[in-house]
Amino acid sequence: MNPLSNPFSPGAGNQPPELAGRADLLRSVEILLARVKAGRSEQSMFMVGLRGVGKTVLLNRVREMAEAQGYQALLIEAHESKSLPLLLLPPLRQTLFALDRMHNVSQKVKRGLRVLRSFIGAVKLKVGDAEFGLDIDPETGSADSGDLEADLGELFVAVGEAAADRGTGVAVIIDELQYMSEVEMSALIMAIHKVSQRGLPLVLIGAGLPQLVGLAGKSKSYAERLFIYPEVGALSLKDASLALQGPVSTQGVAFTQDALTEVFRVTQGYPYFLQEWGYQSWNMAQSSPIDLPLIVETTQASTARLDQSFFRVRFDRLTPREKDYLSALAALGTGNQRSGDVAESLGVKVQAIAPLRSSLIKKGMIYSPAHGDTAFTVPLFDQFMLRTMPEGPRRAER
């Protein structure tokens, strides 16, 4: 079939043609945004899930929903090598300038800009070799202590008060939250706590890998009362079928039921992989319907492409010992594995590879679903490791 009319779009954060299985979650976001903007108390939200479940897609939709409700929405992505202030300040400055351009003069907005200037001075923020600043006098005594946990809260309150004065709200949307340090996460939580106590129209909606829940709880014990943590998981067979069948039906094409069932089996219902199999099967099909024999061919093509890109990019970031660890984890089978069993496979004690395990958690490759357990954050990565390192891990020399 014509690849130019292929409806599927595999890629990082690409909006799928059919956002199946997420209606309840998006309805919760809609209510959250409406209540916060109206000045009513509501818990902020941290979505958690493995790679490939569509968290970034959902956050992009959240931004659209917030803007549709009149919010000033800023979407940022946390990164291992960038601090929280460096991520937040450019979009916050843009947000305050947007509020300042609205009709009439607002002293609350002017104060927000001064508090932002104070915060910039306190963290001595630089972008490259150029100092990041504002040509405005600071609000002395506000957000200028140099203590991130204290100062970020004052900045968020000032931004929230500016938004309230303009009759709007601010939605701070952050992806990849698991890369935040404990201090940065604590500062975020404390800032939202202060905003919530004052009933200001500023909301935080974020997403991250499963270790995000533990990071938030470790940073502040009351985080569980400030946030809800909806799990974003794989789709059911019904929703996976809708994600595949819906986009092609508008062009007079269909999948057979056997084909849909097979795609669900090999992808385990993960949205990213559904898009990949849908994309490849469309390009390989000569006519409708797309049937089971074609899906068998598609699996070979899709697996090869994932091995060259989606999986390979993550694999190439690893050190040789990290690759050995993941190879040992994969060889134990699918699902959660005991950390002690991984250590035994490598011929070492658990304590000896604890730093290696911590490094892989920080890189977002694995997480701990329960004390002493380890699992991949990337679905199907265990199968990739078995294909890539069929000889298995190197054991430590005795």
Protein backbone atom coordinates (compact mmCIF):
# COMPACT_ATOMS: atom_id res chain seq x y z
CA MET A 1 0.00 0.00 0.00
CA ASN A 2 1.06 3.59 -0.53
CA PRO A 3 3.62 4.54 2.15
CA LEU A 4 2.69 8.21 1.73
CA SER A 5 -0.73 7.49 3.23
CA ASN A 6 0.63 5.32 6.07
CA PRO A 7 -1.32 6.49 9.17
CA PHE A 8 1.11 5.13 11.77
CA SER A 9 3.85 7.23 13.33
CA PRO A 10 6.44 5.40 15.43
CA GLY A 11 8.80 7.82 17.14
CA ALA A 12 9.65 9.49 20.42
CA GLY A 13 6.53 11.36 21.55
CA ASN A 14 4.87 11.29 18.13
CA GLN A 15 1.11 11.68 18.41
CA PRO A 16 -0.51 8.40 17.34
CA PRO A 17 -3.49 8.54 14.99
CA GLU A 18 -5.63 6.80 17.63
CA LEU A 19 -4.88 7.50 21.32
CA ALA A 20 -6.58 4.35 22.58
CA GLY A 21 -7.04 3.27 26.17
CA ARG A 22 -6.27 6.63 27.83
CA ALA A 23 -9.71 8.25 28.03
CA ASP A 24 -10.13 7.83 31.80
CA LEU A 25 -6.70 9.31 32.51
CA LEU A 26 -7.28 12.29 30.24
CA ARG A 27 -10.66 12.88 31.86
CA SER A 28 -8.91 13.03 35.23
CA VAL A 29 -6.48 15.61 33.83
CA GLU A 30 -9.36 17.67 32.46
CA ILE A 31 -11.03 17.77 35.89
CA LEU A 32 -7.73 18.56 37.61
CA LEU A 33 -7.06 21.53 35.33
CA ALA A 34 -10.58 22.89 35.67
CA ARG A 35 -10.60 22.66 39.48
CA VAL A 36 -7.17 24.25 39.92
CA LYS A 37 -8.00 27.13 37.60
CA ALA A 38 -11.21 27.71 39.58
CA GLY A 39 -9.16 27.97 42.79
CA ARG A 40 -10.29 24.61 44.18
CA SER A 41 -7.87 22.23 45.83
CA GLU A 42 -6.81 19.23 43.78
CA GLN A 43 -3.79 16.92 43.83
CA SER A 44 -1.20 17.39 41.11
CA MET A 45 -0.27 14.35 39.02
CA PHE A 46 2.79 12.23 38.31
CA MET A 47 2.20 9.60 35.60
CA VAL A 48 4.44 6.55 35.90
CA GLY A 49 5.22 3.82 33.40
CA LEU A 50 7.85 1.98 31.43
CA ARG A 51 9.43 3.21 28.20
CA GLY A 52 7.20 2.98 25.17
CA VAL A 53 3.83 3.35 26.92
CA GLY A 54 3.18 6.86 25.57
CA LYS A 55 3.90 9.10 28.58
CA THR A 56 5.39 11.85 26.40
CA VAL A 57 2.42 11.63 24.03
CA LEU A 58 0.10 12.09 26.99
CA LEU A 59 2.03 15.10 28.28
CA ASN A 60 1.79 16.74 24.87
CA ARG A 61 -1.96 16.15 24.98
CA VAL A 62 -2.04 17.59 28.51
CA ARG A 63 -0.40 20.76 27.23
CA GLU A 64 -3.03 21.06 24.51
CA MET A 65 -5.80 20.53 27.06
CA ALA A 66 -4.33 23.14 29.40
CA GLU A 67 -4.03 25.72 26.64
CA ALA A 68 -7.61 24.98 25.58
CA GLN A 69 -8.70 25.88 29.12
CA GLY A 70 -6.79 29.17 28.92
CA TYR A 71 -3.69 28.11 30.84
CA GLN A 72 -0.18 29.31 30.26
CA ALA A 73 1.36 25.86 29.73
CA LEU A 74 5.06 25.07 29.73
CA LEU A 75 6.42 21.64 28.81
CA ILE A 76 9.99 20.72 29.66
CA GLU A 77 12.03 17.52 29.75
CA ALA A 78 14.32 16.74 32.67
CA HIS A 79 17.83 15.68 31.77
CA GLU A 80 20.72 14.03 33.57
CA SER A 81 23.07 16.91 32.79
CA LYS A 82 20.78 19.92 33.34
CA SER A 83 19.74 21.37 36.68
CA LEU A 84 16.14 22.10 37.54
CA PRO A 85 16.62 25.92 37.53
CA LEU A 86 18.24 25.76 34.08
CA LEU A 87 15.21 23.85 32.81
CA LEU A 88 12.54 25.96 34.48
CA LEU A 89 13.68 29.56 34.17
CA PRO A 90 13.47 30.16 30.41
CA PRO A 91 9.84 28.96 30.13
CA LEU A 92 8.86 30.68 33.39
CA ARG A 93 10.29 33.96 32.09
CA GLN A 94 8.35 33.48 28.86
CA THR A 95 5.18 32.76 30.87
CA LEU A 96 5.52 35.92 32.98
CA PHE A 97 6.20 38.02 29.88
CA ALA A 98 3.05 36.59 28.31
CA LEU A 99 1.05 37.53 31.42
CA ASP A 100 2.64 40.99 31.38
CA ARG A 101 1.51 41.60 27.80
CA MET A 102 -2.14 41.17 28.72
CA HIS A 103 -4.40 44.22 29.06
CA ASN A 104 -3.72 46.77 31.82
CA VAL A 105 -0.81 46.79 34.23
CA SER A 106 -0.64 44.08 36.88
CA GLN A 107 1.48 44.67 39.96
CA LYS A 108 1.33 40.94 40.72
CA VAL A 109 2.90 40.17 37.35
CA LYS A 110 5.53 42.87 37.85
CA ARG A 111 6.34 41.37 41.23
CA GLY A 112 6.55 37.91 39.66
CA LEU A 113 9.21 39.19 37.27
CA ARG A 114 11.16 40.76 40.13
CA VAL A 115 11.01 37.51 42.13
CA LEU A 116 12.20 35.64 39.04
CA ARG A 117 15.12 38.09 38.82
CA SER A 118 15.95 37.41 42.47
CA PHE A 119 15.88 33.65 41.87
CA ILE A 120 18.19 33.99 38.87
CA GLY A 121 20.67 35.94 40.94
CA ALA A 122 20.55 33.42 43.76
CA VAL A 123 21.32 30.41 41.55
CA LYS A 124 23.78 32.39 39.36
CA LEU A 125 22.29 30.78 36.28
CA LYS A 126 24.23 30.79 33.04
CA VAL A 127 23.32 29.45 29.61
CA GLY A 128 26.55 28.54 27.86
CA ASP A 129 28.93 31.44 28.36
CA ALA A 130 26.18 34.06 28.58
CA GLU A 131 24.56 35.06 31.83
CA PHE A 132 20.84 34.40 31.92
CA GLY A 133 19.15 37.43 33.42
CA LEU A 134 16.42 40.03 33.36
CA ASP A 135 16.87 43.76 32.94
CA ILE A 136 14.81 44.47 36.05
CA ASP A 137 15.49 45.08 39.72
CA PRO A 138 15.15 42.01 41.96
CA GLU A 139 12.57 41.60 44.72
CA THR A 140 15.01 41.75 47.62
CA GLY A 141 14.31 39.14 50.27
CA SER A 142 12.25 36.88 48.02
CA ALA A 143 13.60 33.71 46.40
CA ASP A 144 17.17 34.92 46.86
CA SER A 145 18.49 32.81 49.74
CA GLY A 146 20.32 30.34 47.51
CA ASP A 147 18.37 27.47 49.09
CA LEU A 148 16.52 25.79 46.21
CA GLU A 149 13.87 24.22 48.44
CA ALA A 150 12.94 27.60 49.91
CA ASP A 151 13.42 29.78 46.84
CA LEU A 152 11.53 27.68 44.30
CA GLY A 153 8.44 27.74 46.49
CA GLU A 154 8.54 31.54 46.67
CA LEU A 155 8.98 31.73 42.90
CA PHE A 156 6.05 29.38 42.22
CA VAL A 157 3.84 31.35 44.61
CA ALA A 158 4.74 34.61 42.84
CA VAL A 159 3.98 33.05 39.43
CA GLY A 160 0.71 31.61 40.77
CA GLU A 161 -0.34 35.00 42.17
CA ALA A 162 0.46 36.64 38.83
CA ALA A 163 -1.67 34.09 36.99
CA ALA A 164 -4.54 34.50 39.45
CA ASP A 165 -4.45 38.27 38.98
CA ARG A 166 -4.84 37.71 35.24
CA GLY A 167 -7.68 35.23 35.72
CA THR A 168 -5.75 32.34 34.26
CA GLY A 169 -3.60 29.42 35.39
CA VAL A 170 -0.11 28.05 34.86
CA ALA A 171 0.52 24.38 34.05
CA VAL A 172 4.08 23.20 34.68
CA ILE A 173 4.48 19.95 32.71
CA ILE A 174 7.70 17.96 33.16
CA ASP A 175 8.75 14.79 31.38
CA GLU A 176 11.44 12.30 32.53
CA LEU A 177 11.08 13.30 36.18
CA GLN A 178 13.15 10.33 37.35
CA TYR A 179 16.27 12.28 36.34
CA MET A 180 15.66 14.84 39.09
CA SER A 181 18.01 14.76 42.04
CA GLU A 182 16.52 14.19 45.48
CA VAL A 183 17.07 17.86 46.36
CA GLU A 184 15.38 19.03 43.14
CA MET A 185 12.43 16.71 43.65
CA SER A 186 12.09 17.91 47.23
CA ALA A 187 12.10 21.52 46.03
CA LEU A 188 9.39 20.81 43.45
CA ILE A 189 7.20 19.07 46.02
CA MET A 190 7.62 21.86 48.57
CA ALA A 191 6.84 24.47 45.92
CA ILE A 192 3.59 22.74 44.95
CA HIS A 193 2.73 22.37 48.63
CA LYS A 194 3.02 26.14 49.12
CA VAL A 195 0.99 26.87 46.00
CA SER A 196 -1.70 24.38 47.02
CA GLN A 197 -1.99 25.84 50.53
CA ARG A 198 -2.73 29.24 49.01
CA GLY A 199 -5.21 27.91 46.46
CA LEU A 200 -3.26 29.43 43.56
CA PRO A 201 -3.90 28.36 39.94
CA LEU A 202 -0.58 26.62 39.33
CA VAL A 203 -0.48 22.88 38.71
CA LEU A 204 2.35 20.41 38.21
CA ILE A 205 1.80 17.43 35.91
CA GLY A 206 4.73 15.18 35.22
CA ALA A 207 5.74 11.74 34.05
CA GLY A 208 8.58 9.36 34.66
CA LEU A 209 9.74 5.79 35.04
CA PRO A 210 8.41 3.66 37.92
CA GLN A 211 11.23 4.70 40.29
CA LEU A 212 9.65 8.17 40.32
CA VAL A 213 7.21 7.10 43.05
CA GLY A 214 10.05 6.08 45.37
CA LEU A 215 12.03 9.23 44.56
CA ALA A 216 9.10 11.47 45.41
CA GLY A 217 8.35 9.61 48.65
CA LYS A 218 12.00 9.65 49.68
CA SER A 219 12.25 13.38 48.99
CA LYS A 220 9.19 14.32 51.04
CA SER A 221 7.04 12.01 53.15
CA TYR A 222 3.88 13.99 52.39
CA ALA A 223 4.31 13.65 48.62
CA GLU A 224 1.70 10.88 48.55
CA ARG A 225 -0.91 13.38 49.76
CA LEU A 226 0.04 16.08 47.24
CA PHE A 227 0.12 13.90 44.12
CA ILE A 228 -1.71 11.07 42.46
CA TYR A 229 0.38 8.52 40.57
CA PRO A 230 -1.67 7.02 37.73
CA GLU A 231 0.06 4.08 36.10
CA VAL A 232 0.41 4.23 32.33
CA GLY A 233 0.79 0.66 31.15
CA ALA A 234 0.43 -1.57 28.12
CA LEU A 235 -2.90 -1.63 26.31
CA SER A 236 -5.45 -4.42 26.49
CA LEU A 237 -6.14 -6.53 23.40
CA LYS A 238 -9.31 -4.50 22.81
CA ASP A 239 -7.52 -1.13 23.00
CA ALA A 240 -4.50 -2.38 21.05
CA SER A 241 -6.84 -3.56 18.28
CA LEU A 242 -8.50 -0.15 18.25
CA ALA A 243 -5.10 1.57 18.00
CA LEU A 244 -4.36 -0.48 14.89
CA GLN A 245 -7.77 -0.89 13.29
CA GLY A 246 -9.07 2.64 13.79
CA PRO A 247 -6.46 4.51 11.71
CA VAL A 248 -6.58 2.11 8.73
CA SER A 249 -10.37 1.75 8.58
CA THR A 250 -10.75 5.34 7.36
CA GLN A 251 -8.81 4.31 4.25
CA GLY A 252 -10.80 1.15 3.59
CA VAL A 253 -8.15 -1.18 5.03
CA ALA A 254 -8.53 -3.77 7.79
CA PHE A 255 -6.51 -6.18 9.90
CA THR A 256 -7.81 -9.71 10.31
CA GLN A 257 -8.52 -10.79 13.88
CA ASP A 258 -5.67 -13.30 13.75
CA ALA A 259 -3.32 -10.51 12.67
CA LEU A 260 -4.43 -8.26 15.52
CA THR A 261 -4.00 -11.04 18.05
CA GLU A 262 -0.49 -11.80 16.79
CA VAL A 263 0.59 -8.15 16.89
CA PHE A 264 -0.70 -7.94 20.45
CA ARG A 265 1.23 -11.07 21.40
CA VAL A 266 4.60 -9.97 20.04
CA THR A 267 4.32 -6.33 21.16
CA GLN A 268 2.72 -7.16 24.53
CA GLY A 269 0.38 -4.24 23.90
CA TYR A 270 2.98 -1.49 24.29
CA PRO A 271 1.90 1.56 22.26
CA TYR A 272 5.30 2.38 20.75
CA PHE A 273 5.66 -1.13 19.38
CA LEU A 274 2.07 -1.15 18.11
CA GLN A 275 2.92 1.91 16.04
CA GLU A 276 6.06 0.22 14.71
CA TRP A 277 4.21 -2.98 13.71
CA GLY A 278 1.37 -0.97 12.20
CA TYR A 279 3.81 1.17 10.21
CA GLN A 280 5.76 -1.77 8.83
CA SER A 281 2.72 -3.90 8.05
CA TRP A 282 1.12 -1.06 6.07
CA ASN A 283 4.26 -0.55 3.98
CA MET A 284 4.66 -4.29 3.34
CA ALA A 285 1.01 -5.04 2.51
CA GLN A 286 -0.02 -5.30 -1.13
CA SER A 287 -3.73 -5.14 -0.40
CA SER A 288 -6.33 -5.38 2.34
CA PRO A 289 -6.82 -7.19 4.64
CA ILE A 290 -3.53 -7.30 6.54
CA ASP A 291 -3.37 -10.94 7.59
CA LEU A 292 -1.38 -13.24 9.87
CA PRO A 293 1.29 -14.34 7.34
CA LEU A 294 2.09 -10.69 6.65
CA ILE A 295 2.41 -9.96 10.38
CA VAL A 296 4.95 -12.78 10.68
CA GLU A 297 7.03 -11.00 8.03
CA THR A 298 6.39 -7.68 9.72
CA THR A 299 7.77 -8.99 13.00
CA GLN A 300 11.10 -9.73 11.35
CA ALA A 301 11.29 -6.25 9.77
CA SER A 302 10.14 -4.44 12.89
CA THR A 303 12.50 -6.33 15.17
CA ALA A 304 15.45 -5.52 12.92
CA ARG A 305 14.57 -1.84 12.86
CA LEU A 306 14.13 -1.68 16.64
CA ASP A 307 17.47 -3.42 17.12
CA GLN A 308 19.15 -0.81 14.94
CA SER A 309 17.56 2.23 16.57
CA PHE A 310 15.24 2.07 19.60
CA PHE A 311 17.22 -0.59 21.46
CA ARG A 312 20.69 0.13 20.04
CA VAL A 313 20.69 3.78 21.18
CA ARG A 314 20.19 2.66 24.77
CA PHE A 315 22.65 -0.23 24.51
CA ASP A 316 25.44 2.01 23.19
CA ARG A 317 25.25 4.23 26.32
CA LEU A 318 26.29 1.32 28.52
CA THR A 319 29.71 0.38 29.84
CA PRO A 320 30.94 -3.21 29.28
CA ARG A 321 30.11 -4.17 32.87
CA GLU A 322 26.65 -2.62 32.58
CA LYS A 323 26.06 -4.68 29.46
CA ASP A 324 27.11 -7.80 31.38
CA TYR A 325 24.64 -6.96 34.14
CA LEU A 326 21.76 -6.55 31.71
CA SER A 327 22.77 -9.69 29.86
CA ALA A 328 22.64 -11.64 33.12
CA LEU A 329 19.27 -10.09 33.96
CA ALA A 330 17.85 -11.01 30.56
CA ALA A 331 19.14 -14.58 30.78
CA LEU A 332 17.11 -15.13 33.96
CA GLY A 333 13.86 -14.70 32.03
CA THR A 334 11.10 -12.13 31.63
CA GLY A 335 9.63 -10.13 34.49
CA ASN A 336 11.08 -9.22 37.87
CA GLN A 337 14.28 -10.97 39.00
CA ARG A 338 16.02 -11.11 42.35
CA SER A 339 19.15 -8.97 42.49
CA GLY A 340 20.92 -11.84 44.23
CA ASP A 341 20.27 -14.10 41.25
CA VAL A 342 21.81 -11.53 38.91
CA ALA A 343 24.88 -11.32 41.13
CA GLU A 344 25.16 -15.10 41.21
CA SER A 345 25.01 -15.23 37.41
CA LEU A 346 27.92 -12.79 37.31
CA GLY A 347 29.88 -14.73 39.92
CA VAL A 348 29.97 -11.89 42.46
CA LYS A 349 28.27 -10.89 45.70
CA VAL A 350 25.26 -8.57 45.67
CA GLN A 351 27.19 -5.84 47.48
CA ALA A 352 29.87 -5.86 44.79
CA ILE A 353 27.48 -4.95 41.99
CA ALA A 354 25.28 -2.55 43.97
CA PRO A 355 27.02 0.50 42.42
CA LEU A 356 26.55 -1.02 38.95
CA ARG A 357 22.86 -1.55 39.62
CA SER A 358 22.51 2.04 40.91
CA SER A 359 24.19 3.37 37.78
CA LEU A 360 21.75 1.48 35.56
CA ILE A 361 18.81 2.79 37.56
CA LYS A 362 20.09 6.36 37.14
CA LYS A 363 20.43 5.77 33.39
CA GLY A 364 16.80 4.65 33.31
CA MET A 365 17.58 1.13 32.12
CA ILE A 366 16.26 -0.82 35.12
CA TYR A 367 14.18 -0.18 38.23
CA SER A 368 13.32 -1.90 41.47
CA PRO A 369 9.62 -2.94 41.48
CA ALA A 370 10.07 -4.29 45.02
CA HIS A 371 12.87 -4.50 47.56
CA GLY A 372 15.60 -6.75 46.19
CA ASP A 373 13.94 -7.10 42.77
CA THR A 374 15.16 -5.75 39.44
CA ALA A 375 13.37 -5.34 36.10
CA PHE A 376 13.92 -3.63 32.76
CA THR A 377 12.32 -0.23 32.17
CA VAL A 378 12.32 -0.85 28.41
CA PRO A 379 9.81 -3.49 27.29
CA LEU A 380 11.25 -6.30 25.15
CA PHE A 381 14.80 -5.19 25.98
CA ASP A 382 15.49 -8.59 27.53
CA GLN A 383 14.90 -10.20 24.13
CA PHE A 384 17.21 -7.65 22.49
CA MET A 385 19.96 -8.49 25.00
CA LEU A 386 19.61 -12.19 24.24
CA ARG A 387 19.92 -11.49 20.51
CA THR A 388 22.84 -9.08 20.96
CA MET A 389 24.82 -11.03 23.58
CA PRO A 390 23.84 -14.66 22.95
CA GLU A 391 27.02 -15.83 24.68
CA GLY A 392 25.79 -14.29 27.90
CA PRO A 393 27.65 -12.12 30.44
CA ARG A 394 31.26 -12.46 31.42
CA ARG A 395 31.61 -13.96 34.89
CA ALA A 396 34.01 -12.44 37.38
CA GLU A 397 37.29 -14.29 37.81
CA ARG A 398 37.62 -16.10 41.10
